[in-house]
């Protein structure tokens, strides 16, 4: 079974406002409300691609209940832990001004609730896949990812990590199967600016030398790069299409890579599936459906011939 962990899920309230004015009453012309968080996005896309999975994490209050309800509406299985202190966050995203959003804080996670999650993770078995994605709430230990991977060592659980800087670096000694920084995050780790695919390769290999088995680097409109544990290096430009919504594209790439690898056990095919799924979500109003992914994948396959 695949398990995803989202420590701080959200309800994303996405609005468009014509002629937005600061200090004035503005009225929306369109509204969407979606469950959000990196692990949750991975869960939804995996489900869209036909892969059953369980979304783990914390939820609180009426917002948490709505996140759970909307997740189950998509067909995803959830096993969230209820938290008494606070309420799950609502993130406001203003489509009219690209990149403008206000993210909530989320609830306080007590040590007892953290231990409850760790006990769930302790039940994972050989061959299960664990996806850790996103940031850690301030109320939780900053070593959370490290602590989880330490606990599952030797169990045969396949780990996937999509996180930034220290969260990512701390897990490398535990040899995660697959990590997915973007080029900006990769550059931040090594104190460099990386804008071209060729520049990314040596730094992805450094993360591999530090312990990661496979490194997939997303680069938005520039495409992606992958350094595989068998020594192969794959680079591709981004598939052609109209950018509609970049939110969740990186998470979709994680889901697509996993789906491709589970189906084929072939790294090149998994890479193609990853970049196709990430792009399909970017070309869509919502997270990509299987039909949308297969359409982009067909174009990618044509370019490969």
Protein backbone atom coordinates (compact mmCIF):
# COMPACT_ATOMS: atom_id res chain seq x y z
CA UNK A 1 0.00 0.00 0.00
CA UNK A 2 1.06 3.60 -0.61
CA UNK A 3 0.80 6.01 2.32
CA UNK A 4 1.18 9.77 2.07
CA UNK A 5 1.79 12.08 5.03
CA UNK A 6 0.62 15.70 5.11
CA UNK A 7 1.41 17.22 8.50
CA UNK A 8 -0.51 20.44 7.93
CA UNK A 9 -3.40 19.84 5.47
CA UNK A 10 -5.40 22.80 4.24
CA UNK A 11 -8.62 23.82 2.63
CA UNK A 12 -7.55 25.95 -0.31
CA UNK A 13 -9.96 28.78 -1.09
CA UNK A 14 -9.07 29.89 -4.62
CA UNK A 15 -10.70 33.10 -5.81
CA UNK A 16 -10.60 35.44 -8.79
CA UNK A 17 -11.30 39.15 -8.40
CA UNK A 18 -11.54 41.60 -11.26
CA UNK A 19 -9.58 44.81 -10.74
CA UNK A 20 -8.45 43.98 -7.19
CA UNK A 21 -7.97 47.11 -5.03
CA UNK A 22 -6.20 47.25 -1.68
CA UNK A 23 -8.20 48.82 1.15
CA UNK A 24 -11.50 48.35 -0.68
CA UNK A 25 -14.28 45.77 -0.65
CA UNK A 26 -13.58 43.34 -3.49
CA UNK A 27 -16.05 40.75 -4.76
CA UNK A 28 -15.13 37.42 -6.27
CA UNK A 29 -16.03 36.47 -9.82
CA UNK A 30 -15.09 32.81 -9.33
CA UNK A 31 -14.44 30.57 -6.34
CA UNK A 32 -13.08 27.08 -5.74
CA UNK A 33 -12.53 25.17 -2.53
CA UNK A 34 -10.17 22.19 -2.63
CA UNK A 35 -8.33 20.01 -0.12
CA UNK A 36 -4.69 21.04 -0.15
CA UNK A 37 -1.24 20.06 1.02
CA UNK A 38 1.57 18.32 -0.85
CA UNK A 39 0.88 14.80 0.41
CA UNK A 40 -2.84 15.24 -0.21
CA UNK A 41 -2.13 16.30 -3.80
CA UNK A 42 0.01 13.19 -4.28
CA UNK A 43 -2.81 11.03 -2.89
CA UNK A 44 -5.44 12.54 -5.20
CA UNK A 45 -3.32 12.18 -8.34
CA UNK A 46 -2.33 8.60 -7.46
CA UNK A 47 -6.02 7.79 -7.04
CA UNK A 48 -6.78 9.45 -10.38
CA UNK A 49 -4.13 7.20 -11.96
CA UNK A 50 -5.70 4.10 -10.43
CA UNK A 51 -3.42 3.55 -7.44
CA UNK A 52 -5.07 3.02 -4.08
CA UNK A 53 -3.42 4.82 -1.20
CA UNK A 54 -4.04 6.11 2.31
CA UNK A 55 -3.60 9.77 3.28
CA UNK A 56 -2.17 10.23 6.78
CA UNK A 57 -1.84 13.48 8.70
CA UNK A 58 -3.54 15.71 11.24
CA UNK A 59 -6.91 17.48 11.09
CA UNK A 60 -8.68 19.82 13.49
CA UNK A 61 -12.10 21.44 13.82
CA UNK A 62 -14.74 22.00 11.17
CA UNK A 63 -12.13 22.76 8.50
CA UNK A 64 -10.45 19.43 9.17
CA UNK A 65 -13.76 17.62 8.81
CA UNK A 66 -14.34 19.37 5.48
CA UNK A 67 -10.88 18.37 4.26
CA UNK A 68 -11.65 14.77 5.14
CA UNK A 69 -15.06 14.94 3.46
CA UNK A 70 -13.67 16.40 0.26
CA UNK A 71 -10.84 13.85 0.19
CA UNK A 72 -13.32 11.00 0.50
CA UNK A 73 -15.42 12.58 -2.27
CA UNK A 74 -12.43 12.08 -4.58
CA UNK A 75 -12.36 8.39 -3.62
CA UNK A 76 -9.21 8.72 -1.50
CA UNK A 77 -8.87 6.78 1.72
CA UNK A 78 -7.90 8.83 4.79
CA UNK A 79 -6.61 7.96 8.24
CA UNK A 80 -6.19 11.42 9.73
CA UNK A 81 -5.54 11.98 13.42
CA UNK A 82 -7.92 14.44 15.09
CA UNK A 83 -6.29 17.31 17.00
CA UNK A 84 -8.16 19.24 19.69
CA UNK A 85 -6.11 22.45 19.80
CA UNK A 86 -6.89 24.85 16.98
CA UNK A 87 -8.35 24.36 13.53
CA UNK A 88 -6.93 23.10 10.25
CA UNK A 89 -5.76 25.93 8.05
CA UNK A 90 -7.58 27.73 5.27
CA UNK A 91 -5.27 29.03 2.55
CA UNK A 92 -6.56 31.90 0.41
CA UNK A 93 -5.13 31.98 -3.10
CA UNK A 94 -5.86 35.00 -5.30
CA UNK A 95 -5.79 33.92 -8.95
CA UNK A 96 -6.12 37.49 -10.21
CA UNK A 97 -2.63 38.33 -8.94
CA UNK A 98 -0.41 35.36 -9.77
CA UNK A 99 1.37 33.87 -6.77
CA UNK A 100 -0.54 35.91 -4.18
CA UNK A 101 -1.79 33.81 -1.31
CA UNK A 102 -2.36 33.92 2.45
CA UNK A 103 -1.68 30.63 4.21
CA UNK A 104 -3.07 29.79 7.63
CA UNK A 105 -1.00 28.46 10.53
CA UNK A 106 -2.88 25.25 11.32
CA UNK A 107 -3.39 23.57 14.69
CA UNK A 108 -0.87 22.89 17.44
CA UNK A 109 0.30 19.27 17.26
CA UNK A 110 1.07 17.83 20.71
CA UNK A 111 3.85 15.28 21.33
CA UNK A 112 1.14 12.71 22.09
CA UNK A 113 -0.43 13.21 18.65
CA UNK A 114 2.99 12.99 16.99
CA UNK A 115 3.53 9.66 18.73
CA UNK A 116 0.10 8.49 17.53
CA UNK A 117 1.18 9.15 13.94
CA UNK A 118 4.50 7.39 14.48
CA UNK A 119 2.64 4.34 15.80
CA UNK A 120 0.61 4.23 12.56
CA UNK A 121 3.82 4.41 10.55
CA UNK A 122 5.32 1.62 12.67
CA UNK A 123 2.63 -0.67 11.21
CA UNK A 124 3.92 -0.30 7.65
CA UNK A 125 5.20 -3.52 6.13
CA UNK A 126 7.84 -4.57 3.60
CA UNK A 127 6.95 -3.30 0.14
CA UNK A 128 4.75 -0.47 1.42
CA UNK A 129 5.55 3.00 0.08
CA UNK A 130 5.71 6.06 2.35
CA UNK A 131 5.57 9.54 0.81
CA UNK A 132 6.65 12.45 3.04
CA UNK A 133 5.87 15.78 1.42
CA UNK A 134 5.77 19.40 2.49
CA UNK A 135 6.73 21.47 5.50
CA UNK A 136 6.59 20.72 9.22
CA UNK A 137 4.32 22.78 11.52
CA UNK A 138 6.22 24.92 14.05
CA UNK A 139 4.74 22.88 16.91
CA UNK A 140 6.42 19.69 15.69
CA UNK A 141 10.10 18.65 15.94
CA UNK A 142 12.18 19.88 13.01
CA UNK A 143 13.74 16.40 12.87
CA UNK A 144 10.38 14.79 12.05
CA UNK A 145 11.31 13.40 8.62
CA UNK A 146 14.61 12.09 9.96
CA UNK A 147 12.86 10.47 12.94
CA UNK A 148 10.33 8.73 10.69
CA UNK A 149 12.92 7.32 8.30
CA UNK A 150 15.02 6.18 11.24
CA UNK A 151 12.03 4.23 12.61
CA UNK A 152 11.31 2.41 9.34
CA UNK A 153 14.91 1.42 8.66
CA UNK A 154 15.31 -2.29 7.96
CA UNK A 155 11.57 -2.87 7.40
CA UNK A 156 11.72 -2.85 3.62
CA UNK A 157 9.47 0.24 3.39
CA UNK A 158 10.11 2.33 0.26
CA UNK A 159 10.47 6.02 1.18
CA UNK A 160 9.82 9.06 -1.00
CA UNK A 161 10.65 12.58 0.22
CA UNK A 162 9.64 15.93 -1.28
CA UNK A 163 10.93 18.59 1.11
CA UNK A 164 13.29 21.53 1.30
CA UNK A 165 16.84 22.04 2.54
CA UNK A 166 17.41 20.71 6.10
CA UNK A 167 14.31 18.49 6.07
CA UNK A 168 15.68 16.83 2.95
CA UNK A 169 19.35 16.75 3.90
CA UNK A 170 18.63 15.05 7.23
CA UNK A 171 16.98 12.03 5.56
CA UNK A 172 19.72 11.31 3.01
CA UNK A 173 21.72 9.00 5.33
CA UNK A 174 18.64 6.70 5.32
CA UNK A 175 18.83 6.27 1.52
CA UNK A 176 15.34 7.32 0.44
CA UNK A 177 14.25 5.60 -2.76
CA UNK A 178 13.33 8.85 -4.46
CA UNK A 179 13.58 12.58 -3.69
CA UNK A 180 12.20 15.49 -5.72
CA UNK A 181 13.67 18.93 -5.10
CA UNK A 182 13.04 21.64 -7.67
CA UNK A 183 15.97 23.47 -9.23
CA UNK A 184 15.64 26.44 -6.84
CA UNK A 185 15.64 24.17 -3.78
CA UNK A 186 18.60 22.23 -5.16
CA UNK A 187 20.47 25.48 -5.78
CA UNK A 188 19.70 26.70 -2.26
CA UNK A 189 21.23 23.54 -0.76
CA UNK A 190 24.55 24.11 -2.56
CA UNK A 191 24.53 27.92 -2.68
CA UNK A 192 24.28 28.18 -6.47
CA UNK A 193 21.77 29.36 -9.06
CA UNK A 194 20.57 26.62 -11.40
CA UNK A 195 18.56 27.63 -14.45
CA UNK A 196 19.47 25.08 -17.15
CA UNK A 197 19.00 21.33 -17.14
CA UNK A 198 22.69 20.61 -17.77
CA UNK A 199 23.64 22.66 -14.70
CA UNK A 200 21.39 20.56 -12.48
CA UNK A 201 22.97 17.16 -13.22
CA UNK A 202 26.19 17.42 -11.12
CA UNK A 203 24.29 18.73 -8.10
CA UNK A 204 21.65 16.01 -8.37
CA UNK A 205 24.53 13.52 -8.41
CA UNK A 206 25.88 15.11 -5.22
CA UNK A 207 22.58 14.40 -3.47
CA UNK A 208 22.90 10.85 -4.72
CA UNK A 209 26.40 10.63 -3.29
CA UNK A 210 24.97 11.87 0.02
CA UNK A 211 22.52 8.97 0.14
CA UNK A 212 19.50 9.43 -2.15
CA UNK A 213 18.92 6.51 -4.50
CA UNK A 214 17.06 8.43 -7.23
CA UNK A 215 16.92 12.21 -7.65
CA UNK A 216 14.24 13.88 -9.78
CA UNK A 217 14.56 17.65 -10.17
CA UNK A 218 11.55 19.59 -11.43
CA UNK A 219 12.24 22.83 -13.32
CA UNK A 220 8.77 24.19 -14.17
CA UNK A 221 8.81 25.43 -17.77
CA UNK A 222 12.38 24.20 -18.30
CA UNK A 223 11.37 20.54 -17.87
CA UNK A 224 13.03 18.07 -15.52
CA UNK A 225 16.20 16.11 -14.82
CA UNK A 226 16.59 12.68 -13.26
CA UNK A 227 19.66 10.89 -11.97
CA UNK A 228 18.79 7.21 -11.40
CA UNK A 229 20.49 4.74 -9.07
CA UNK A 230 21.59 2.59 -12.04
CA UNK A 231 23.75 5.48 -13.26
CA UNK A 232 21.35 6.67 -15.97
CA UNK A 233 20.74 10.39 -16.43
CA UNK A 234 17.54 11.61 -18.08
CA UNK A 235 16.71 15.17 -19.10
CA UNK A 236 13.65 16.45 -20.91
CA UNK A 237 12.18 19.83 -21.82
CA UNK A 238 8.70 20.57 -20.53
CA UNK A 239 5.88 19.21 -22.72
CA UNK A 240 4.13 21.89 -24.75
CA UNK A 241 0.84 23.25 -23.46
CA UNK A 242 -0.88 26.24 -21.90
CA UNK A 243 -0.14 26.87 -18.23
CA UNK A 244 -3.46 27.07 -16.38
CA UNK A 245 -2.63 26.29 -12.76
CA UNK A 246 0.86 25.48 -11.46
CA UNK A 247 -0.37 24.58 -7.95
CA UNK A 248 0.25 20.88 -7.34
CA UNK A 249 2.31 20.31 -10.48
CA UNK A 250 5.38 19.19 -8.53
CA UNK A 251 3.27 16.92 -6.32
CA UNK A 252 1.69 15.48 -9.46
CA UNK A 253 5.17 14.73 -10.79
CA UNK A 254 5.90 12.71 -7.63
CA UNK A 255 2.64 10.75 -8.09
CA UNK A 256 3.31 10.22 -11.79
CA UNK A 257 6.85 8.96 -11.22
CA UNK A 258 5.62 6.51 -8.59
CA UNK A 259 2.82 5.30 -10.85
CA UNK A 260 5.19 4.87 -13.78
CA UNK A 261 7.74 2.99 -11.70
CA UNK A 262 5.14 0.69 -10.13
CA UNK A 263 3.77 -0.16 -13.56
CA UNK A 264 7.06 -0.68 -15.38
CA UNK A 265 9.95 -0.85 -12.86
CA UNK A 266 11.75 1.16 -15.55
CA UNK A 267 13.32 4.48 -14.56
CA UNK A 268 13.08 6.10 -17.97
CA UNK A 269 9.39 5.25 -18.24
CA UNK A 270 8.81 6.45 -14.68
CA UNK A 271 10.58 9.73 -15.55
CA UNK A 272 8.40 10.21 -18.63
CA UNK A 273 5.28 9.49 -16.58
CA UNK A 274 6.41 11.93 -13.90
CA UNK A 275 7.00 14.85 -16.25
CA UNK A 276 3.78 14.06 -18.15
CA UNK A 277 1.70 14.00 -14.95
CA UNK A 278 3.22 17.22 -13.59
CA UNK A 279 2.59 18.98 -16.90
CA UNK A 280 -0.94 17.61 -17.22
CA UNK A 281 -1.82 19.15 -13.85
CA UNK A 282 -0.21 22.45 -14.87
CA UNK A 283 -2.33 22.45 -18.04
CA UNK A 284 -5.54 21.74 -16.07
CA UNK A 285 -7.78 23.75 -13.75
CA UNK A 286 -7.56 20.90 -11.24
CA UNK A 287 -5.13 18.07 -10.51
CA UNK A 288 -4.70 15.89 -13.59
CA UNK A 289 -7.03 13.04 -14.50
CA UNK A 290 -5.68 9.82 -15.99
CA UNK A 291 -7.01 10.80 -19.43
CA UNK A 292 -5.20 14.15 -19.28
CA UNK A 293 -1.97 12.46 -18.21
CA UNK A 294 -2.10 9.84 -20.97
CA UNK A 295 -2.67 12.55 -23.56
CA UNK A 296 0.49 14.41 -22.49
CA UNK A 297 2.40 11.12 -22.19
CA UNK A 298 1.52 10.27 -25.79
CA UNK A 299 3.09 13.58 -26.91
CA UNK A 300 6.19 12.91 -24.79
CA UNK A 301 6.53 9.44 -26.32
CA UNK A 302 6.28 10.93 -29.83
CA UNK A 303 9.09 13.37 -29.03
CA UNK A 304 11.24 10.47 -27.83
CA UNK A 305 11.12 8.65 -31.17
